[in-house]
PDB file of N, CA and C in Angstrom:
ATOM      1  N   MET A   1     -36.859   2.419   7.733  1.00  0.00           N
ATOM      2  CA  MET A   1     -35.275   1.950   8.057  1.00  0.00           C
ATOM      3  C   MET A   1     -34.601   1.213   7.933  1.00  0.00           C
ATOM      4  N   GLU A   2     -35.517   0.613   8.903  1.00  0.00           N
ATOM      5  CA  GLU A   2     -34.555  -1.117   9.765  1.00  0.00           C
ATOM      6  C   GLU A   2     -34.572  -1.871   8.400  1.00  0.00           C
ATOM      7  N   LYS A   3     -35.106  -2.119   7.589  1.00  0.00           N
ATOM      8  CA  LYS A   3     -35.630  -2.834   6.215  1.00  0.00           C
ATOM      9  C   LYS A   3     -34.628  -2.658   5.645  1.00  0.00           C
ATOM     10  N   ARG A   4     -34.057  -1.268   5.150  1.00  0.00           N
ATOM     11  CA  ARG A   4     -32.761  -0.541   4.973  1.00  0.00           C
ATOM     12  C   ARG A   4     -31.983  -0.725   5.187  1.00  0.00           C
ATOM     13  N   ILE A   5     -31.582  -1.320   6.310  1.00  0.00           N
ATOM     14  CA  ILE A   5     -30.310  -0.935   6.714  1.00  0.00           C
ATOM     15  C   ILE A   5     -30.373  -2.846   7.119  1.00  0.00           C
ATOM     16  N   THR A   6     -30.943  -3.936   6.855  1.00  0.00           N
ATOM     17  CA  THR A   6     -31.083  -5.262   6.970  1.00  0.00           C
ATOM     18  C   THR A   6     -30.871  -5.375   5.469  1.00  0.00           C
ATOM     19  N   ASN A   7     -31.115  -4.750   4.584  1.00  0.00           N
ATOM     20  CA  ASN A   7     -30.912  -4.649   2.813  1.00  0.00           C
ATOM     21  C   ASN A   7     -29.084  -4.422   3.067  1.00  0.00           C
ATOM     22  N   VAL A   8     -28.489  -3.621   3.389  1.00  0.00           N
ATOM     23  CA  VAL A   8     -27.505  -3.271   3.488  1.00  0.00           C
ATOM     24  C   VAL A   8     -26.488  -3.585   4.058  1.00  0.00           C
ATOM     25  N   SER A   9     -27.328  -4.533   5.062  1.00  0.00           N
ATOM     26  CA  SER A   9     -26.013  -5.335   5.709  1.00  0.00           C
ATOM     27  C   SER A   9     -25.798  -6.975   5.038  1.00  0.00           C
ATOM     28  N   GLY A  10     -27.269  -7.619   4.283  1.00  0.00           N
ATOM     29  CA  GLY A  10     -27.217  -8.800   4.102  1.00  0.00           C
ATOM     30  C   GLY A  10     -26.449  -8.381   2.604  1.00  0.00           C
ATOM     31  N   PHE A  11     -26.176  -7.178   1.800  1.00  0.00           N
ATOM     32  CA  PHE A  11     -25.839  -7.216   0.590  1.00  0.00           C
ATOM     33  C   PHE A  11     -23.986  -7.227   0.631  1.00  0.00           C
ATOM     34  N   LEU A  12     -23.640  -6.234   2.321  1.00  0.00           N
ATOM     35  CA  LEU A  12     -22.338  -6.233   2.482  1.00  0.00           C
ATOM     36  C   LEU A  12     -21.664  -7.853   3.117  1.00  0.00           C
ATOM     37  N   LYS A  13     -22.444  -8.953   3.178  1.00  0.00           N
ATOM     38  CA  LYS A  13     -22.281 -10.279   3.506  1.00  0.00           C
ATOM     39  C   LYS A  13     -22.380 -10.648   2.838  1.00  0.00           C
ATOM     40  N   GLY A  14     -23.123 -10.813   1.515  1.00  0.00           N
ATOM     41  CA  GLY A  14     -22.790 -11.814   0.813  1.00  0.00           C
ATOM     42  C   GLY A  14     -21.839 -11.192  -0.827  1.00  0.00           C
ATOM     43  N   VAL A  15     -20.829  -9.439  -0.585  1.00  0.00           N
ATOM     44  CA  VAL A  15     -20.041  -9.167  -1.219  1.00  0.00           C
ATOM     45  C   VAL A  15     -18.802 -10.031  -0.527  1.00  0.00           C
ATOM     46  N   LEU A  16     -18.483  -9.975   0.879  1.00  0.00           N
ATOM     47  CA  LEU A  16     -18.064 -10.724   2.038  1.00  0.00           C
ATOM     48  C   LEU A  16     -17.935 -12.121   1.151  1.00  0.00           C
ATOM     49  N   PHE A  17     -18.572 -13.324   1.203  1.00  0.00           N
ATOM     50  CA  PHE A  17     -19.062 -14.217   1.450  1.00  0.00           C
ATOM     51  C   PHE A  17     -18.198 -14.404   0.124  1.00  0.00           C
ATOM     52  N   GLY A  18     -18.412 -13.694  -0.908  1.00  0.00           N
ATOM     53  CA  GLY A  18     -18.495 -13.427  -3.210  1.00  0.00           C
ATOM     54  C   GLY A  18     -17.063 -13.493  -2.501  1.00  0.00           C
ATOM     55  N   ALA A  19     -16.367 -12.758  -2.226  1.00  0.00           N
ATOM     56  CA  ALA A  19     -14.849 -12.434  -1.916  1.00  0.00           C
ATOM     57  C   ALA A  19     -13.856 -13.281  -1.253  1.00  0.00           C
ATOM     58  N   VAL A  20     -14.764 -14.195  -0.604  1.00  0.00           N
ATOM     59  CA  VAL A  20     -13.772 -15.484  -0.008  1.00  0.00           C
ATOM     60  C   VAL A  20     -13.961 -16.632  -0.605  1.00  0.00           C
ATOM     61  N   VAL A  21     -15.347 -16.734  -1.312  1.00  0.00           N
ATOM     62  CA  VAL A  21     -15.329 -17.794  -2.363  1.00  0.00           C
ATOM     63  C   VAL A  21     -14.344 -17.724  -3.704  1.00  0.00           C
ATOM     64  N   PHE A  22     -14.268 -16.171  -3.728  1.00  0.00           N
ATOM     65  CA  PHE A  22     -13.626 -15.924  -5.022  1.00  0.00           C
ATOM     66  C   PHE A  22     -11.898 -16.251  -4.661  1.00  0.00           C
ATOM     67  N   GLY A  23     -11.584 -16.039  -3.559  1.00  0.00           N
ATOM     68  CA  GLY A  23      -9.993 -16.102  -3.686  1.00  0.00           C
ATOM     69  C   GLY A  23      -9.727 -17.341  -2.904  1.00  0.00           C
ATOM     70  N   THR A  24     -10.318 -17.601  -2.121  1.00  0.00           N
ATOM     71  CA  THR A  24      -9.723 -19.651  -2.502  1.00  0.00           C
ATOM     72  C   THR A  24     -10.084 -19.998  -3.619  1.00  0.00           C
ATOM     73  N   VAL A  25     -11.323 -19.638  -4.219  1.00  0.00           N
ATOM     74  CA  VAL A  25     -11.203 -20.521  -6.241  1.00  0.00           C
ATOM     75  C   VAL A  25      -9.974 -20.243  -6.696  1.00  0.00           C
ATOM     76  N   ALA A  26      -9.077 -18.812  -6.795  1.00  0.00           N
ATOM     77  CA  ALA A  26      -8.367 -17.856  -6.946  1.00  0.00           C
ATOM     78  C   ALA A  26      -7.185 -18.969  -6.633  1.00  0.00           C
ATOM     79  N   LEU A  27      -6.961 -19.551  -5.764  1.00  0.00           N
ATOM     80  CA  LEU A  27      -5.703 -19.015  -4.579  1.00  0.00           C
ATOM     81  C   LEU A  27      -6.110 -21.102  -5.240  1.00  0.00           C
ATOM     82  N   PHE A  28      -6.428 -21.509  -5.378  1.00  0.00           N
ATOM     83  CA  PHE A  28      -6.262 -22.534  -6.031  1.00  0.00           C
ATOM     84  C   PHE A  28      -6.472 -23.344  -7.245  1.00  0.00           C
ATOM     85  N   THR A  29      -6.460 -22.383  -7.914  1.00  0.00           N
ATOM     86  CA  THR A  29      -6.618 -22.701  -9.453  1.00  0.00           C
ATOM     87  C   THR A  29      -5.340 -21.707 -10.018  1.00  0.00           C
ATOM     88  N   ALA A  30      -4.825 -21.539  -9.365  1.00  0.00           N
ATOM     89  CA  ALA A  30      -3.884 -20.340 -10.138  1.00  0.00           C
ATOM     90  C   ALA A  30      -3.128 -20.836 -10.764  1.00  0.00           C
ATOM     91  N   PRO A  31      -2.820 -20.371 -12.194  1.00  0.00           N
ATOM     92  CA  PRO A  31      -1.945 -21.248 -12.673  1.00  0.00           C
ATOM     93  C   PRO A  31      -0.232 -21.495 -12.412  1.00  0.00           C
ATOM     94  N   HIS A  32       0.543 -20.695 -11.585  1.00  0.00           N
ATOM     95  CA  HIS A  32       1.501 -20.506 -11.043  1.00  0.00           C
ATOM     96  C   HIS A  32       1.577 -19.964 -10.107  1.00  0.00           C
ATOM     97  N   SER A  33       3.005 -20.186  -8.879  1.00  0.00           N
ATOM     98  CA  SER A  33       2.755 -20.173  -7.828  1.00  0.00           C
ATOM     99  C   SER A  33       3.176 -18.563  -7.823  1.00  0.00           C
ATOM    100  N   GLY A  34       3.109 -17.838  -7.286  1.00  0.00           N
ATOM    101  CA  GLY A  34       3.372 -16.601  -6.544  1.00  0.00           C
ATOM    102  C   GLY A  34       4.988 -16.416  -7.150  1.00  0.00           C
ATOM    103  N   ALA A  35       5.850 -16.664  -7.029  1.00  0.00           N
ATOM    104  CA  ALA A  35       7.399 -16.281  -7.165  1.00  0.00           C
ATOM    105  C   ALA A  35       7.274 -16.426  -8.994  1.00  0.00           C
ATOM    106  N   GLU A  36       6.709 -17.455  -9.590  1.00  0.00           N
ATOM    107  CA  GLU A  36       6.779 -17.537 -11.153  1.00  0.00           C
ATOM    108  C   GLU A  36       5.663 -16.415 -10.965  1.00  0.00           C
ATOM    109  N   THR A  37       4.849 -16.061 -10.778  1.00  0.00           N
ATOM    110  CA  THR A  37       3.961 -15.076 -11.120  1.00  0.00           C
ATOM    111  C   THR A  37       3.840 -13.546 -11.311  1.00  0.00           C
ATOM    112  N   ARG A  38       5.242 -13.460 -10.084  1.00  0.00           N
ATOM    113  CA  ARG A  38       6.095 -12.025  -9.819  1.00  0.00           C
ATOM    114  C   ARG A  38       6.790 -12.251 -11.101  1.00  0.00           C
ATOM    115  N   GLN A  39       7.761 -13.177 -11.235  1.00  0.00           N
ATOM    116  CA  GLN A  39       8.539 -12.783 -12.817  1.00  0.00           C
ATOM    117  C   GLN A  39       7.959 -13.013 -13.629  1.00  0.00           C
ATOM    118  N   ILE A  40       6.830 -13.495 -14.296  1.00  0.00           N
ATOM    119  CA  ILE A  40       6.259 -12.895 -15.070  1.00  0.00           C
ATOM    120  C   ILE A  40       5.361 -11.566 -16.009  1.00  0.00           C
ATOM    121  N   ILE A  41       4.820 -11.328 -14.160  1.00  0.00           N
ATOM    122  CA  ILE A  41       4.966 -10.075 -14.433  1.00  0.00           C
ATOM    123  C   ILE A  41       6.318  -9.117 -14.839  1.00  0.00           C
ATOM    124  N   ARG A  42       7.675  -9.569 -14.235  1.00  0.00           N
ATOM    125  CA  ARG A  42       9.003  -8.567 -14.023  1.00  0.00           C
ATOM    126  C   ARG A  42       8.654  -8.896 -15.058  1.00  0.00           C
ATOM    127  N   GLU A  43       8.655  -9.458 -16.532  1.00  0.00           N
ATOM    128  CA  GLU A  43       9.486  -9.857 -17.691  1.00  0.00           C
ATOM    129  C   GLU A  43       8.523  -9.551 -18.729  1.00  0.00           C
ATOM    130  N   LYS A  44       7.761  -9.536 -18.471  1.00  0.00           N
ATOM    131  CA  LYS A  44       5.973  -8.309 -19.517  1.00  0.00           C
ATOM    132  C   LYS A  44       6.448  -7.293 -19.231  1.00  0.00           C
ATOM    133  N   SER A  45       6.847  -6.920 -18.033  1.00  0.00           N
ATOM    134  CA  SER A  45       6.947  -5.400 -17.750  1.00  0.00           C
ATOM    135  C   SER A  45       7.910  -4.762 -18.645  1.00  0.00           C
ATOM    136  N   GLU A  46       9.037  -4.724 -18.641  1.00  0.00           N
ATOM    137  CA  GLU A  46      10.150  -5.377 -18.847  1.00  0.00           C
ATOM    138  C   GLU A  46      10.257  -5.019 -21.060  1.00  0.00           C
ATOM    139  N   ASP A  47       9.045  -5.846 -20.634  1.00  0.00           N
ATOM    140  CA  ASP A  47       8.808  -5.527 -22.740  1.00  0.00           C
ATOM    141  C   ASP A  47       8.293  -4.465 -22.613  1.00  0.00           C
ATOM    142  N   VAL A  48       7.473  -4.445 -21.880  1.00  0.00           N
ATOM    143  CA  VAL A  48       6.435  -3.130 -22.481  1.00  0.00           C
ATOM    144  C   VAL A  48       7.475  -2.037 -22.198  1.00  0.00           C
ATOM    145  N   ARG A  49       8.273  -1.827 -21.408  1.00  0.00           N
ATOM    146  CA  ARG A  49       9.618  -0.977 -20.891  1.00  0.00           C
ATOM    147  C   ARG A  49      10.298  -0.178 -22.346  1.00  0.00           C
ATOM    148  N   ASP A  50      10.134  -1.976 -22.907  1.00  0.00           N
ATOM    149  CA  ASP A  50      11.130  -1.703 -23.902  1.00  0.00           C
ATOM    150  C   ASP A  50      11.004  -1.098 -25.347  1.00  0.00           C
ATOM    151  N   LYS A  51       9.531  -2.118 -25.583  1.00  0.00           N
ATOM    152  CA  LYS A  51       8.383  -1.754 -26.668  1.00  0.00           C
ATOM    153  C   LYS A  51       8.113  -0.379 -26.545  1.00  0.00           C
ATOM    154  N   THR A  52       7.992   0.500 -25.113  1.00  0.00           N
ATOM    155  CA  THR A  52       7.640   2.033 -25.180  1.00  0.00           C
ATOM    156  C   THR A  52       8.975   2.017 -25.480  1.00  0.00           C
ATOM    157  N   VAL A  53      10.337   2.398 -24.654  1.00  0.00           N
ATOM    158  CA  VAL A  53      10.868   3.451 -25.847  1.00  0.00           C
ATOM    159  C   VAL A  53      11.698   3.134 -26.733  1.00  0.00           C
ATOM    160  N   GLU A  54      11.405   2.025 -27.506  1.00  0.00           N
ATOM    161  CA  GLU A  54      11.413   1.972 -29.145  1.00  0.00           C
ATOM    162  C   GLU A  54      10.519   3.060 -29.473  1.00  0.00           C
ATOM    163  N   THR A  55       9.032   3.161 -28.708  1.00  0.00           N
ATOM    164  CA  THR A  55       7.819   3.624 -29.798  1.00  0.00           C
ATOM    165  C   THR A  55       8.275   4.941 -29.591  1.00  0.00           C
ATOM    166  N   ILE A  56       8.369   5.259 -28.210  1.00  0.00           N
ATOM    167  CA  ILE A  56       8.940   7.233 -27.781  1.00  0.00           C
ATOM    168  C   ILE A  56      10.195   6.838 -29.434  1.00  0.00           C
ATOM    169  N   GLU A  57      11.376   6.684 -29.280  1.00  0.00           N
ATOM    170  CA  GLU A  57      12.682   7.023 -30.183  1.00  0.00           C
ATOM    171  C   GLU A  57      12.129   6.765 -31.848  1.00  0.00           C
ATOM    172  N   ASN A  58      10.806   5.880 -32.450  1.00  0.00           N
ATOM    173  CA  ASN A  58      10.435   6.156 -33.437  1.00  0.00           C
ATOM    174  C   ASN A  58       9.565   7.498 -33.966  1.00  0.00           C
ATOM    175  N   VAL A  59       8.961   7.439 -32.858  1.00  0.00           N
ATOM    176  CA  VAL A  59       8.009   8.998 -32.853  1.00  0.00           C
ATOM    177  C   VAL A  59       9.112  10.130 -32.731  1.00  0.00           C
ATOM    178  N   ARG A  60       9.878  10.090 -31.869  1.00  0.00           N
ATOM    179  CA  ARG A  60      10.948  11.434 -31.928  1.00  0.00           C
ATOM    180  C   ARG A  60      11.407  11.820 -33.601  1.00  0.00           C
ATOM    181  N   ASP A  61      12.296  10.320 -34.130  1.00  0.00           N
ATOM    182  CA  ASP A  61      13.032  10.190 -35.345  1.00  0.00           C
ATOM    183  C   ASP A  61      11.760  10.815 -36.112  1.00  0.00           C
ATOM    184  N   GLN A  62      10.830  10.832 -35.874  1.00  0.00           N
ATOM    185  CA  GLN A  62       9.726  11.120 -36.733  1.00  0.00           C
ATOM    186  C   GLN A  62       8.953  12.376 -37.321  1.00  0.00           C
ATOM    187  N   VAL A  63       9.300  13.131 -35.854  1.00  0.00           N
ATOM    188  CA  VAL A  63       8.871  14.302 -34.756  1.00  0.00           C
ATOM    189  C   VAL A  63      10.539  15.195 -35.983  1.00  0.00           C
ATOM    190  N   ASP A  64      10.826  14.951 -35.921  1.00  0.00           N
ATOM    191  CA  ASP A  64      12.142  15.653 -36.677  1.00  0.00           C
ATOM    192  C   ASP A  64      12.600  15.627 -37.835  1.00  0.00           C
ATOM    193  N   THR A  65      12.383  14.644 -38.031  1.00  0.00           N
ATOM    194  CA  THR A  65      11.873  14.383 -39.446  1.00  0.00           C
ATOM    195  C   THR A  65      11.016  15.569 -40.512  1.00  0.00           C
ATOM    196  N   ALA A  66      10.039  15.855 -39.603  1.00  0.00           N
ATOM    197  CA  ALA A  66       8.676  16.323 -40.080  1.00  0.00           C
ATOM    198  C   ALA A  66       9.258  18.037 -40.005  1.00  0.00           C
ATOM    199  N   ILE A  67      10.069  18.188 -38.357  1.00  0.00           N
ATOM    200  CA  ILE A  67      10.593  19.142 -38.551  1.00  0.00           C
ATOM    201  C   ILE A  67      11.688  19.895 -39.447  1.00  0.00           C
ATOM    202  N   SER A  68      12.460  18.754 -39.793  1.00  0.00           N
ATOM    203  CA  SER A  68      13.246  19.116 -40.988  1.00  0.00           C
ATOM    204  C   SER A  68      12.769  19.449 -42.294  1.00  0.00           C
ATOM    205  N   GLY A  69      11.607  19.099 -42.377  1.00  0.00           N
ATOM    206  CA  GLY A  69      10.882  19.196 -43.430  1.00  0.00           C
ATOM    207  C   GLY A  69      10.129  20.560 -43.543  1.00  0.00           C
ATOM    208  N   ILE A  70       9.545  20.824 -42.333  1.00  0.00           N
ATOM    209  CA  ILE A  70       8.987  21.640 -42.318  1.00  0.00           C
ATOM    210  C   ILE A  70       9.845  23.729 -42.099  1.00  0.00           C
ATOM    211  N   ARG A  71      11.317  23.105 -42.031  1.00  0.00           N
ATOM    212  CA  ARG A  71      12.264  23.814 -42.005  1.00  0.00           C
ATOM    213  C   ARG A  71      12.619  24.280 -43.333  1.00  0.00           C
ATOM    214  N   GLN A  72      12.930  23.220 -43.600  1.00  0.00           N
ATOM    215  CA  GLN A  72      13.370  23.807 -45.597  1.00  0.00           C
ATOM    216  C   GLN A  72      12.566  24.100 -46.368  1.00  0.00           C
ATOM    217  N   ARG A  73      11.478  24.050 -46.208  1.00  0.00           N
ATOM    218  CA  ARG A  73       9.813  24.173 -46.713  1.00  0.00           C
ATOM    219  C   ARG A  73       9.741  25.864 -45.785  1.00  0.00           C
ATOM    220  N   THR A  74       9.720  25.971 -45.599  1.00  0.00           N
ATOM    221  CA  THR A  74       9.810  27.974 -44.327  1.00  0.00           C
ATOM    222  C   THR A  74      11.097  28.357 -45.087  1.00  0.00           C
ATOM    223  N   ASP A  75      12.000  28.135 -45.304  1.00  0.00           N
ATOM    224  CA  ASP A  75      13.840  28.822 -46.258  1.00  0.00           C
ATOM    225  C   ASP A  75      13.336  28.853 -47.648  1.00  0.00           C
ATOM    226  N   GLN A  76      12.478  27.304 -47.994  1.00  0.00           N
ATOM    227  CA  GLN A  76      12.047  27.886 -49.860  1.00  0.00           C
ATOM    228  C   GLN A  76      11.085  29.033 -49.404  1.00  0.00           C
ATOM    229  N   LEU A  77      10.065  29.647 -48.789  1.00  0.00           N
ATOM    230  CA  LEU A  77       8.805  30.631 -48.625  1.00  0.00           C
ATOM    231  C   LEU A  77       9.786  32.007 -48.576  1.00  0.00           C
ATOM    232  N   VAL A  78      10.514  32.004 -47.981  1.00  0.00           N
ATOM    233  CA  VAL A  78      11.838  33.043 -47.245  1.00  0.00           C
ATOM    234  C   VAL A  78      12.391  33.347 -48.116  1.00  0.00           C
ATOM    235  N   GLU A  79      13.171  32.101 -48.832  1.00  0.00           N
ATOM    236  CA  GLU A  79      13.548  32.963 -50.430  1.00  0.00           C
ATOM    237  C   GLU A  79      12.613  33.107 -51.702  1.00  0.00           C
ATOM    238  N   ARG A  80      11.410  33.088 -51.692  1.00  0.00           N
ATOM    239  CA  ARG A  80      10.478  32.972 -52.803  1.00  0.00           C
ATOM    240  C   ARG A  80      10.209  34.716 -52.202  1.00  0.00           C
ATOM    241  N   VAL A  81       9.533  34.348 -51.277  1.00  0.00           N
ATOM    242  CA  VAL A  81       9.508  35.974 -50.498  1.00  0.00           C
ATOM    243  C   VAL A  81      10.700  36.975 -50.754  1.00  0.00           C
ATOM    244  N   GLY A  82      11.670  36.648 -50.353  1.00  0.00           N
ATOM    245  CA  GLY A  82      12.361  37.776 -51.014  1.00  0.00           C
ATOM    246  C   GLY A  82      13.164  38.213 -52.461  1.00  0.00           C
ATOM    247  N   GLU A  83      12.651  37.180 -53.238  1.00  0.00           N
ATOM    248  CA  GLU A  83      12.887  37.042 -54.405  1.00  0.00           C
ATOM    249  C   GLU A  83      11.762  38.338 -55.213  1.00  0.00           C
ATOM    250  N   SER A  84      10.336  38.294 -54.362  1.00  0.00           N
ATOM    251  CA  SER A  84       9.479  38.760 -55.561  1.00  0.00           C
ATOM    252  C   SER A  84       9.708  40.439 -55.280  1.00  0.00           C
TER     253      SER A  84
END
């Protein structure tokens, strides 16, 4: 049991050490400052939002067109059935 606790403790120390090292390396090798990074994220999120809105509008148009076609076909079938 004690060996298991030691293994878990060693593992957690390794994870913590790795996180500190990774954070330090990331901090010094970051291509942009925090403000620049936030601006980039903001711009990209606006682009994604705009593309999403455009896609939704295109899908709505396609659905409306499909519904109109289905209604026309349904009306034609109803007329044919009524004529029979």
